[in-house]
Amino acid sequence: MPHALIVDDDRDSAEMMAVLVAAENFTVATAFSLLEARRQITLQRPDIVLLDLQLPDGSGIELFDDPELLRHSQVVLITGYASLETSIQAFRLGAADYLVKPLNVKHLKNILATVTQPAMLQTEVETLNEELAREGHFGNLWGRSACMQEIYQQIARVAVTSVTVLITGESGTGKEVVARSVHDLSRRRTRPFLAINCGAISPNLMESEIFGHEKGSFTGADRQHQGFFERANGGTLFLDEVTEMPLELQVKLLRVLETGTFMRVGSTQVQDTDVRVIAATNRSPKLAIEAGKLREDLYYRLNVFPIAVPPLRERSDDLPILAEHFLAEINKKEGVVKRFSPETLKRLAEYAWPGNVRELRNFVHRAYVMAPGEIVGDDWLPAGEPSSEAAPPLAAPEPSDAPPSITIPIGTSMAEAEFNLIMATLEHFNHHKERTAAALGVSLKTLYNRLKEYSGER
């Protein structure tokens, strides 16, 4: 049976928590000071410590001086108020989560249900690092380049906490795989991981999809609907292309992040939720704020722990590993083994891959299909271009030699400037939308959404 230690100078609060924790099949000890807490830890090493920072003989922070505590015990801070500063402080100390007084019983139960010794999680990270050295992958992420190894370290560091993560990177770099890796290494791994592309849902339906709705709340709402925050309770919610979320919903998302509560559309009843949010965008967040696409306060609430995923052209050493991995996958699926010629692997680095890992994967699948024998040659490789420059995707029509430029007068609104840039780029690539999206650094879905907006406005 797991053991819990409650450290709180408020005896009534400590005893109430002890009853709640014991009901979840834990043995429980209480301490009302730092001195008593250290004595209890010596008597029996706890699996979880519920720690109030304000104690009569010092700050609960002092317990973090014991490295063995963080190695063997999951530490959850108890605070009297919720704030961004609180969550950052908890993370920096090595805490896994924090609870706000008065306690949310559901949140407490979710934390207790996912208690795992930090040493066990560290053992998993060590196993992944061994696989990286031996096979070239860290879980589902492939590559040994220095920039990717930095990503792996960030994932291992943040996964054991519950802080919010913001992943940035160009379209096709694997942001959702990074998000999933954080979830799979966390204590929430047995709970749902749900992903929603904010650019793929109609703005009119997005609030219902995220927060749910009551029966009869709008035309067509013939039954109650649970949104993503309800379905992901206890787990992780991945919000891809978060800058595509309407501003009025960004306000409501900010409230969920700050309070852990929300309301279904058409309801007046407040719902509690315990969800770890991981957001992602292929835009520059600062430019999105300037363009009025992202609320600045939401950005700072999401950007507690940033992870920047590099484009494929900045990790060209990983190209052979990735290509071989994708080929092995399709070999297994199709049952016919093919392999790359040395010249093909060499030529992979001669192309910039503007569509990043997604484009490389699609190329490998196409080359496999088109290869007549067991050798996948270089016949279907994109035309060789310097990898430091943007290059067009596979099999798209060639544009004119020199890309045109556009002039935007001072005083032009951000929305108008964006429209002019998108339309000029689309014209340059002969209305080839995949190439246009790659050149602009956005997803194809985002481009379609923009063009749909323009058709309705102009």
Protein backbone atom coordinates (compact mmCIF):
# COMPACT_ATOMS: atom_id res chain seq x y z
CA MET A 1 0.00 0.00 0.00
CA PRO A 2 1.46 3.41 -0.94
CA HIS A 3 2.35 5.84 1.83
CA ALA A 4 1.50 9.56 1.95
CA LEU A 5 2.91 12.32 4.15
CA ILE A 6 0.84 15.48 4.72
CA VAL A 7 2.86 18.50 5.87
CA ASP A 8 0.61 21.38 6.93
CA ASP A 9 0.61 23.57 10.04
CA ASP A 10 -3.18 23.83 9.85
CA ARG A 11 -4.15 20.77 11.88
CA ASP A 12 -7.79 20.76 10.79
CA SER A 13 -6.76 20.95 7.12
CA ALA A 14 -4.12 18.23 7.58
CA GLU A 15 -6.56 15.88 9.31
CA MET A 16 -9.21 16.44 6.63
CA MET A 17 -6.67 15.63 3.91
CA ALA A 18 -5.55 12.55 5.84
CA VAL A 19 -9.11 11.20 5.78
CA LEU A 20 -9.44 11.85 2.02
CA VAL A 21 -6.07 10.27 1.25
CA ALA A 22 -6.71 7.22 3.45
CA ALA A 23 -9.97 6.65 1.59
CA GLU A 24 -7.89 6.21 -1.58
CA ASN A 25 -6.06 3.20 -0.04
CA PHE A 26 -2.97 5.04 1.24
CA THR A 27 -1.32 4.81 4.63
CA VAL A 28 -1.03 8.37 5.94
CA ALA A 29 1.24 10.30 8.27
CA THR A 30 0.91 13.97 9.21
CA ALA A 31 3.46 16.60 10.19
CA PHE A 32 2.82 20.14 11.34
CA SER A 33 6.35 21.52 11.03
CA LEU A 34 9.60 21.00 9.12
CA LEU A 35 11.11 19.17 12.09
CA GLU A 36 8.22 16.70 12.26
CA ALA A 37 8.26 16.27 8.46
CA ARG A 38 11.96 15.30 8.47
CA ARG A 39 11.33 12.83 11.29
CA GLN A 40 8.41 11.22 9.42
CA ILE A 41 10.47 10.94 6.21
CA THR A 42 13.21 9.18 8.19
CA LEU A 43 10.73 6.76 9.74
CA GLN A 44 9.07 5.85 6.42
CA ARG A 45 9.92 7.20 2.99
CA PRO A 46 6.61 8.47 1.50
CA ASP A 47 5.46 7.82 -2.05
CA ILE A 48 3.79 11.24 -2.10
CA VAL A 49 4.25 14.37 0.01
CA LEU A 50 1.47 16.97 0.17
CA LEU A 51 3.51 19.98 1.25
CA ASP A 52 2.37 23.39 2.50
CA LEU A 53 5.08 26.00 1.96
CA GLN A 54 4.17 28.09 5.02
CA LEU A 55 5.31 26.25 8.17
CA PRO A 56 6.00 27.56 11.68
CA ASP A 57 9.72 26.71 11.69
CA GLY A 58 10.53 27.64 8.07
CA SER A 59 9.48 27.16 4.48
CA GLY A 60 8.50 23.84 2.97
CA ILE A 61 11.01 24.65 0.24
CA GLU A 62 13.75 23.53 2.63
CA LEU A 63 12.64 19.91 2.27
CA PHE A 64 13.80 20.05 -1.36
CA ASP A 65 17.38 20.21 -0.06
CA ASP A 66 17.12 16.44 0.42
CA PRO A 67 17.89 14.94 -3.04
CA GLU A 68 16.61 11.54 -1.92
CA LEU A 69 13.17 13.05 -1.32
CA LEU A 70 12.71 13.95 -4.99
CA ARG A 71 14.20 10.64 -6.10
CA HIS A 72 11.74 8.50 -4.13
CA SER A 73 8.74 10.75 -3.50
CA GLN A 74 6.28 12.67 -5.62
CA VAL A 75 5.96 16.15 -4.11
CA VAL A 76 2.76 18.17 -4.50
CA LEU A 77 2.75 21.75 -3.19
CA ILE A 78 -0.24 23.19 -1.35
CA THR A 79 -0.88 26.88 -1.87
CA GLY A 80 -3.54 29.37 -0.90
CA TYR A 81 -3.88 30.85 -4.38
CA ALA A 82 -3.39 29.84 -8.00
CA SER A 83 -1.09 31.83 -10.25
CA LEU A 84 1.36 31.42 -13.08
CA GLU A 85 4.17 32.21 -10.62
CA THR A 86 3.03 29.39 -8.35
CA SER A 87 3.17 26.77 -11.09
CA ILE A 88 6.58 27.97 -12.28
CA GLN A 89 7.92 27.90 -8.73
CA ALA A 90 6.55 24.38 -8.20
CA PHE A 91 8.19 23.18 -11.40
CA ARG A 92 11.57 24.74 -10.62
CA LEU A 93 11.62 23.11 -7.21
CA GLY A 94 10.98 19.70 -8.72
CA ALA A 95 7.36 19.35 -7.62
CA ALA A 96 5.06 17.25 -9.77
CA ASP A 97 1.93 19.36 -9.22
CA TYR A 98 0.24 21.78 -6.86
CA LEU A 99 -3.08 21.98 -5.07
CA VAL A 100 -4.98 25.16 -4.27
CA LYS A 101 -6.85 25.73 -1.00
CA PRO A 102 -9.73 25.10 -0.54
CA LEU A 103 -8.86 21.69 -1.95
CA ASN A 104 -10.52 20.38 -5.08
CA VAL A 105 -11.25 16.81 -4.02
CA LYS A 106 -11.45 15.54 -7.62
CA HIS A 107 -8.04 17.04 -8.40
CA LEU A 108 -6.58 15.45 -5.26
CA LYS A 109 -7.99 12.04 -6.20
CA ASN A 110 -6.58 12.32 -9.72
CA ILE A 111 -3.13 13.09 -8.30
CA LEU A 112 -3.30 10.16 -5.90
CA ALA A 113 -4.43 7.84 -8.71
CA THR A 114 -1.27 8.60 -10.68
CA VAL A 115 1.34 8.34 -7.93
CA THR A 116 4.54 6.93 -9.36
CA GLN A 117 7.96 7.02 -7.74
CA PRO A 118 10.26 9.48 -9.56
CA ALA A 119 12.95 6.80 -9.61
CA MET A 120 10.71 4.61 -11.77
CA LEU A 121 10.20 7.43 -14.27
CA GLN A 122 13.94 8.09 -14.29
CA THR A 123 14.55 4.42 -15.06
CA GLU A 124 12.25 4.74 -18.08
CA VAL A 125 14.20 7.79 -19.28
CA GLU A 126 17.45 5.86 -18.93
CA THR A 127 15.97 3.02 -21.00
CA LEU A 128 14.94 5.50 -23.71
CA ASN A 129 18.45 6.98 -23.72
CA GLU A 130 19.90 3.49 -24.19
CA GLU A 131 17.57 2.95 -27.17
CA LEU A 132 18.66 6.31 -28.56
CA ALA A 133 22.32 5.31 -28.44
CA ARG A 134 21.63 1.84 -29.86
CA GLU A 135 18.86 2.43 -32.41
CA GLY A 136 18.67 6.20 -32.95
CA HIS A 137 15.28 6.96 -31.43
CA PHE A 138 13.84 8.31 -28.18
CA GLY A 139 10.45 6.64 -28.01
CA ASN A 140 8.64 7.64 -31.22
CA LEU A 141 11.05 10.49 -31.98
CA TRP A 142 13.92 9.62 -34.33
CA GLY A 143 17.32 11.24 -34.71
CA ARG A 144 20.63 11.67 -32.87
CA SER A 145 21.40 15.28 -33.84
CA ALA A 146 22.40 17.67 -31.06
CA CYS A 147 19.22 19.74 -31.39
CA MET A 148 17.03 16.64 -31.06
CA GLN A 149 18.95 15.39 -28.04
CA GLU A 150 18.19 18.74 -26.43
CA ILE A 151 14.49 18.15 -27.19
CA TYR A 152 14.69 14.72 -25.52
CA GLN A 153 16.21 16.26 -22.39
CA GLN A 154 13.44 18.85 -22.27
CA ILE A 155 10.77 16.17 -22.65
CA ALA A 156 12.27 14.08 -19.84
CA ARG A 157 12.47 17.12 -17.58
CA VAL A 158 8.94 18.44 -18.08
CA ALA A 159 7.09 15.11 -18.41
CA VAL A 160 7.25 14.37 -14.68
CA THR A 161 5.50 17.67 -13.88
CA SER A 162 2.01 18.93 -14.72
CA VAL A 163 3.02 22.34 -16.07
CA THR A 164 1.69 23.66 -19.37
CA VAL A 165 3.89 23.24 -22.45
CA LEU A 166 3.98 25.34 -25.63
CA ILE A 167 5.53 23.62 -28.65
CA THR A 168 6.57 25.76 -31.61
CA GLY A 169 7.89 24.71 -34.98
CA GLU A 170 7.15 24.66 -38.68
CA SER A 171 4.37 22.53 -40.12
CA GLY A 172 5.40 18.88 -40.40
CA THR A 173 8.19 18.91 -37.79
CA GLY A 174 6.44 16.47 -35.44
CA LYS A 175 4.95 18.71 -32.75
CA GLU A 176 2.18 16.24 -31.94
CA VAL A 177 4.73 13.42 -31.56
CA VAL A 178 6.60 15.60 -29.05
CA ALA A 179 3.35 16.25 -27.17
CA ARG A 180 2.53 12.56 -27.11
CA SER A 181 6.04 11.77 -25.84
CA VAL A 182 5.53 14.16 -22.92
CA HIS A 183 2.24 12.43 -22.08
CA ASP A 184 3.69 8.91 -22.39
CA LEU A 185 6.48 9.72 -19.92
CA SER A 186 4.15 11.40 -17.43
CA ARG A 187 2.09 10.07 -14.56
CA ARG A 188 -0.99 10.71 -16.70
CA ARG A 189 -0.03 8.06 -19.26
CA THR A 190 -2.89 5.74 -18.29
CA ARG A 191 -5.42 8.56 -18.80
CA PRO A 192 -6.57 9.93 -22.17
CA PHE A 193 -4.40 11.85 -24.61
CA LEU A 194 -6.72 13.84 -26.85
CA ALA A 195 -5.62 16.05 -29.74
CA ILE A 196 -7.65 18.81 -31.35
CA ASN A 197 -6.58 20.86 -34.37
CA CYS A 198 -7.96 24.34 -33.73
CA GLY A 199 -7.56 25.17 -37.41
CA ALA A 200 -9.64 22.21 -38.58
CA ILE A 201 -12.88 22.97 -36.72
CA SER A 202 -15.41 25.59 -37.70
CA PRO A 203 -15.26 28.55 -35.27
CA ASN A 204 -19.02 28.14 -34.75
CA LEU A 205 -18.54 24.59 -33.46
CA MET A 206 -15.25 24.95 -31.61
CA GLU A 207 -16.68 26.04 -28.25
CA SER A 208 -19.01 23.05 -28.21
CA GLU A 209 -16.20 20.67 -29.19
CA ILE A 210 -13.85 21.95 -26.49
CA PHE A 211 -16.25 22.63 -23.60
CA GLY A 212 -19.28 20.53 -24.57
CA HIS A 213 -22.93 21.61 -24.68
CA GLU A 214 -26.29 20.93 -23.06
CA LYS A 215 -29.26 19.48 -24.87
CA GLY A 216 -31.25 22.24 -26.55
CA SER A 217 -28.53 24.87 -26.12
CA PHE A 218 -28.62 25.64 -29.86
CA THR A 219 -30.30 24.42 -33.04
CA GLY A 220 -29.30 20.82 -33.64
CA ALA A 221 -28.18 20.16 -30.05
CA ASP A 222 -30.50 17.18 -29.55
CA ARG A 223 -28.44 15.66 -26.75
CA GLN A 224 -25.86 16.58 -24.14
CA HIS A 225 -22.31 16.53 -25.50
CA GLN A 226 -19.10 16.12 -23.51
CA GLY A 227 -16.27 18.34 -24.76
CA PHE A 228 -12.56 17.63 -24.88
CA PHE A 229 -11.93 18.98 -21.37
CA GLU A 230 -14.37 16.48 -19.89
CA ARG A 231 -13.19 13.54 -21.97
CA ALA A 232 -9.52 14.27 -21.25
CA ASN A 233 -10.04 14.58 -17.48
CA GLY A 234 -6.99 13.27 -15.65
CA GLY A 235 -5.01 13.15 -18.88
CA THR A 236 -3.56 15.48 -21.50
CA LEU A 237 -5.23 17.77 -24.03
CA PHE A 238 -3.14 18.75 -27.06
CA LEU A 239 -4.29 21.98 -28.72
CA ASP A 240 -2.63 22.13 -32.13
CA GLU A 241 -2.60 25.40 -34.10
CA VAL A 242 -3.81 27.22 -30.99
CA THR A 243 -3.46 30.60 -32.74
CA GLU A 244 -6.41 29.57 -34.94
CA MET A 245 -8.72 29.53 -31.90
CA PRO A 246 -11.19 32.46 -31.92
CA LEU A 247 -10.24 35.20 -29.44
CA GLU A 248 -13.47 34.85 -27.47
CA LEU A 249 -12.64 31.19 -26.83
CA GLN A 250 -9.08 32.06 -25.89
CA VAL A 251 -10.55 34.00 -22.94
CA LYS A 252 -12.42 30.88 -21.79
CA LEU A 253 -9.32 28.71 -22.27
CA LEU A 254 -7.36 31.11 -20.10
CA ARG A 255 -10.00 30.73 -17.38
CA VAL A 256 -9.72 26.94 -17.47
CA LEU A 257 -5.94 27.15 -17.14
CA GLU A 258 -6.19 29.54 -14.20
CA THR A 259 -9.07 27.93 -12.27
CA GLY A 260 -9.43 24.36 -13.54
CA THR A 261 -13.14 25.02 -14.18
CA PHE A 262 -15.37 25.56 -17.22
CA MET A 263 -19.03 25.51 -18.27
CA ARG A 264 -20.69 23.64 -21.11
CA VAL A 265 -22.42 25.75 -23.76
CA GLY A 266 -25.96 26.46 -22.52
CA SER A 267 -25.17 25.56 -18.90
CA THR A 268 -24.76 27.62 -15.74
CA GLN A 269 -23.17 24.77 -13.80
CA VAL A 270 -19.40 25.01 -13.25
CA GLN A 271 -17.47 21.83 -14.11
CA ASP A 272 -14.12 20.89 -12.57
CA THR A 273 -11.39 19.44 -14.74
CA ASP A 274 -7.87 18.16 -14.15
CA VAL A 275 -6.22 18.30 -17.57
CA ARG A 276 -2.66 18.99 -18.57
CA VAL A 277 -2.69 21.31 -21.59
CA ILE A 278 0.00 21.13 -24.27
CA ALA A 279 -0.41 23.70 -27.03
CA ALA A 280 1.37 24.04 -30.36
CA THR A 281 1.65 26.54 -33.19
CA ASN A 282 3.53 26.81 -36.47
CA ARG A 283 3.37 30.60 -36.24
CA SER A 284 5.69 32.89 -34.32
CA PRO A 285 3.68 33.53 -31.13
CA LYS A 286 4.95 37.12 -30.94
CA LEU A 287 3.83 37.81 -34.54
CA ALA A 288 0.50 36.12 -33.83
CA ILE A 289 0.00 38.49 -30.89
CA GLU A 290 0.84 41.49 -33.08
CA ALA A 291 -1.60 40.26 -35.73
CA GLY A 292 -4.38 39.93 -33.17
CA LYS A 293 -4.52 36.14 -33.51
CA LEU A 294 -3.29 35.27 -30.01
CA ARG A 295 -4.05 36.93 -26.69
CA GLU A 296 -0.89 38.01 -24.93
CA ASP A 297 -2.12 36.86 -21.52
CA LEU A 298 -2.94 33.42 -22.90
CA TYR A 299 0.50 33.20 -24.51
CA TYR A 300 2.24 33.77 -21.18
CA ARG A 301 -0.03 31.23 -19.51
CA LEU A 302 0.73 28.59 -22.16
CA ASN A 303 4.43 29.36 -22.43
CA VAL A 304 5.39 28.05 -18.98
CA PHE A 305 7.71 25.50 -20.59
CA PRO A 306 8.54 26.20 -24.25
CA ILE A 307 9.86 23.53 -26.63
CA ALA A 308 11.02 24.66 -30.09
CA VAL A 309 11.10 21.77 -32.59
CA PRO A 310 13.76 22.35 -35.29
CA PRO A 311 12.97 22.08 -39.02
CA LEU A 312 14.40 19.09 -40.85
CA ARG A 313 16.90 21.26 -42.76
CA GLU A 314 18.58 22.08 -39.43
CA ARG A 315 19.03 18.40 -38.55
CA SER A 316 20.21 16.96 -41.85
CA ASP A 317 22.32 14.35 -40.00
CA ASP A 318 19.03 12.70 -39.02
CA LEU A 319 17.79 12.31 -42.60
CA PRO A 320 19.18 8.77 -43.18
CA ILE A 321 17.85 7.56 -39.80
CA LEU A 322 14.38 8.96 -40.47
CA ALA A 323 14.25 7.69 -44.04
CA GLU A 324 15.34 4.18 -43.00
CA HIS A 325 12.75 4.23 -40.21
CA PHE A 326 9.90 5.17 -42.56
CA LEU A 327 11.06 2.56 -45.09
CA ALA A 328 11.17 -0.13 -42.38
CA GLU A 329 7.59 0.78 -41.41
CA ILE A 330 6.26 0.39 -44.95
CA ASN A 331 8.34 -2.79 -45.49
CA LYS A 332 6.64 -4.32 -42.46
CA LYS A 333 3.19 -3.13 -43.52
CA GLU A 334 3.44 -4.27 -47.15
CA GLY A 335 5.42 -7.45 -46.53
CA VAL A 336 7.94 -6.74 -49.31
CA VAL A 337 11.37 -5.60 -48.15
CA LYS A 338 13.07 -2.82 -50.11
CA ARG A 339 16.15 -0.77 -49.29
CA PHE A 340 17.73 2.52 -50.26
CA SER A 341 20.74 2.72 -52.50
CA PRO A 342 23.74 4.56 -50.97
CA GLU A 343 23.35 7.29 -53.59
CA THR A 344 19.72 7.85 -52.56
CA LEU A 345 20.63 8.31 -48.91
CA LYS A 346 23.40 10.70 -49.91
CA ARG A 347 21.06 12.81 -52.02
CA LEU A 348 18.53 13.24 -49.22
CA ALA A 349 20.68 16.01 -47.78
CA GLU A 350 20.62 17.91 -51.09
CA TYR A 351 17.02 18.95 -50.62
CA ALA A 352 15.64 21.43 -48.07
CA TRP A 353 12.43 19.51 -47.21
CA PRO A 354 10.15 22.54 -46.65
CA GLY A 355 7.40 20.12 -45.58
CA ASN A 356 9.82 18.73 -42.97
CA VAL A 357 9.46 15.21 -41.55
CA ARG A 358 5.94 14.84 -42.94
CA GLU A 359 7.19 15.51 -46.48
CA LEU A 360 10.08 13.06 -46.05
CA ARG A 361 7.70 10.35 -44.88
CA ASN A 362 5.40 10.95 -47.85
CA PHE A 363 8.37 10.83 -50.23
CA VAL A 364 9.56 7.49 -48.79
CA HIS A 365 6.11 5.98 -49.27
CA ARG A 366 5.93 7.21 -52.86
CA ALA A 367 9.47 6.05 -53.69
CA TYR A 368 8.67 2.61 -52.25
CA VAL A 369 5.62 2.27 -54.46
CA MET A 370 7.43 3.47 -57.59
CA ALA A 371 10.59 1.36 -57.13
CA PRO A 372 10.27 -1.65 -59.51
CA GLY A 373 12.72 -3.83 -57.61
CA GLU A 374 14.13 -4.17 -54.13
CA ILE A 375 16.36 -1.08 -54.48
CA VAL A 376 14.79 2.33 -53.89
CA GLY A 377 16.84 4.55 -56.16
CA ASP A 378 17.03 8.30 -56.53
CA ASP A 379 14.68 8.57 -59.55
CA TRP A 380 11.88 9.95 -57.41
CA LEU A 381 13.91 12.27 -55.22
CA PRO A 382 13.11 15.98 -55.39
CA ALA A 383 15.43 18.08 -57.53
CA GLY A 384 18.64 18.78 -55.61
CA GLU A 385 18.73 22.26 -54.10
CA PRO A 386 20.90 23.73 -51.34
CA SER A 387 19.48 22.51 -48.05
CA SER A 388 19.90 25.95 -46.50
CA GLU A 389 17.30 27.42 -48.84
CA ALA A 390 13.58 26.84 -49.06
CA ALA A 391 12.79 24.27 -51.74
CA PRO A 392 9.48 23.28 -53.34
CA PRO A 393 7.76 20.05 -52.35
CA LEU A 394 7.91 16.90 -54.40
CA ALA A 395 6.30 16.81 -57.85
CA ALA A 396 4.97 20.40 -57.82
CA PRO A 397 5.18 22.63 -60.90
CA GLU A 398 8.22 24.86 -61.13
CA PRO A 399 7.68 28.58 -60.46
CA SER A 400 9.46 31.37 -62.23
CA ASP A 401 13.19 31.54 -61.54
CA ALA A 402 13.19 34.63 -59.32
CA PRO A 403 10.44 34.93 -56.72
CA PRO A 404 8.57 38.23 -56.97
CA SER A 405 8.40 40.75 -54.15
CA ILE A 406 5.46 42.74 -52.88
CA THR A 407 5.37 46.21 -51.38
CA ILE A 408 3.21 46.86 -48.34
CA PRO A 409 2.73 50.53 -47.44
CA ILE A 410 3.27 51.75 -43.89
CA GLY A 411 -0.09 51.83 -42.12
CA THR A 412 -1.42 48.67 -43.75
CA SER A 413 -3.26 46.53 -41.19
CA MET A 414 -1.79 43.15 -40.25
CA ALA A 415 -4.85 41.41 -41.67
CA GLU A 416 -4.50 43.20 -45.02
CA ALA A 417 -0.74 42.53 -45.13
CA GLU A 418 -1.38 38.83 -44.47
CA PHE A 419 -3.99 38.72 -47.23
CA ASN A 420 -1.61 40.37 -49.73
CA LEU A 421 1.25 38.02 -48.83
CA ILE A 422 -0.87 34.86 -49.08
CA MET A 423 -2.44 35.82 -52.40
CA ALA A 424 0.91 36.88 -53.91
CA THR A 425 2.53 33.61 -52.81
CA LEU A 426 -0.40 31.61 -54.17
CA GLU A 427 -0.10 33.40 -57.52
CA HIS A 428 3.66 32.81 -57.61
CA PHE A 429 3.19 29.06 -57.20
CA ASN A 430 0.48 28.92 -59.88
CA HIS A 431 -2.25 28.32 -57.26
CA HIS A 432 -0.51 25.13 -56.08
CA LYS A 433 -1.74 25.14 -52.48
CA GLU A 434 0.70 22.61 -51.02
CA ARG A 435 3.70 24.61 -52.23
CA THR A 436 2.10 27.85 -51.07
CA ALA A 437 1.49 26.47 -47.57
CA ALA A 438 5.07 25.15 -47.36
CA ALA A 439 6.54 28.48 -48.49
CA LEU A 440 4.44 30.37 -45.94
CA GLY A 441 5.32 27.92 -43.15
CA VAL A 442 1.69 27.04 -42.38
CA SER A 443 -0.33 23.86 -42.63
CA LEU A 444 -2.43 23.16 -45.71
CA LYS A 445 -5.53 23.27 -43.50
CA THR A 446 -4.61 26.74 -42.25
CA LEU A 447 -4.17 27.96 -45.82
CA TYR A 448 -7.58 26.57 -46.80
CA ASN A 449 -9.14 28.28 -43.78
CA ARG A 450 -7.59 31.62 -44.78
CA LEU A 451 -8.78 31.30 -48.39
CA LYS A 452 -12.26 30.38 -47.17
CA GLU A 453 -12.30 33.48 -44.96
CA TYR A 454 -11.22 35.66 -47.83
CA SER A 455 -13.88 34.27 -50.17
CA GLY A 456 -16.56 35.17 -47.65
CA GLU A 457 -15.20 38.64 -46.89
CA ARG A 458 -14.26 39.96 -50.32
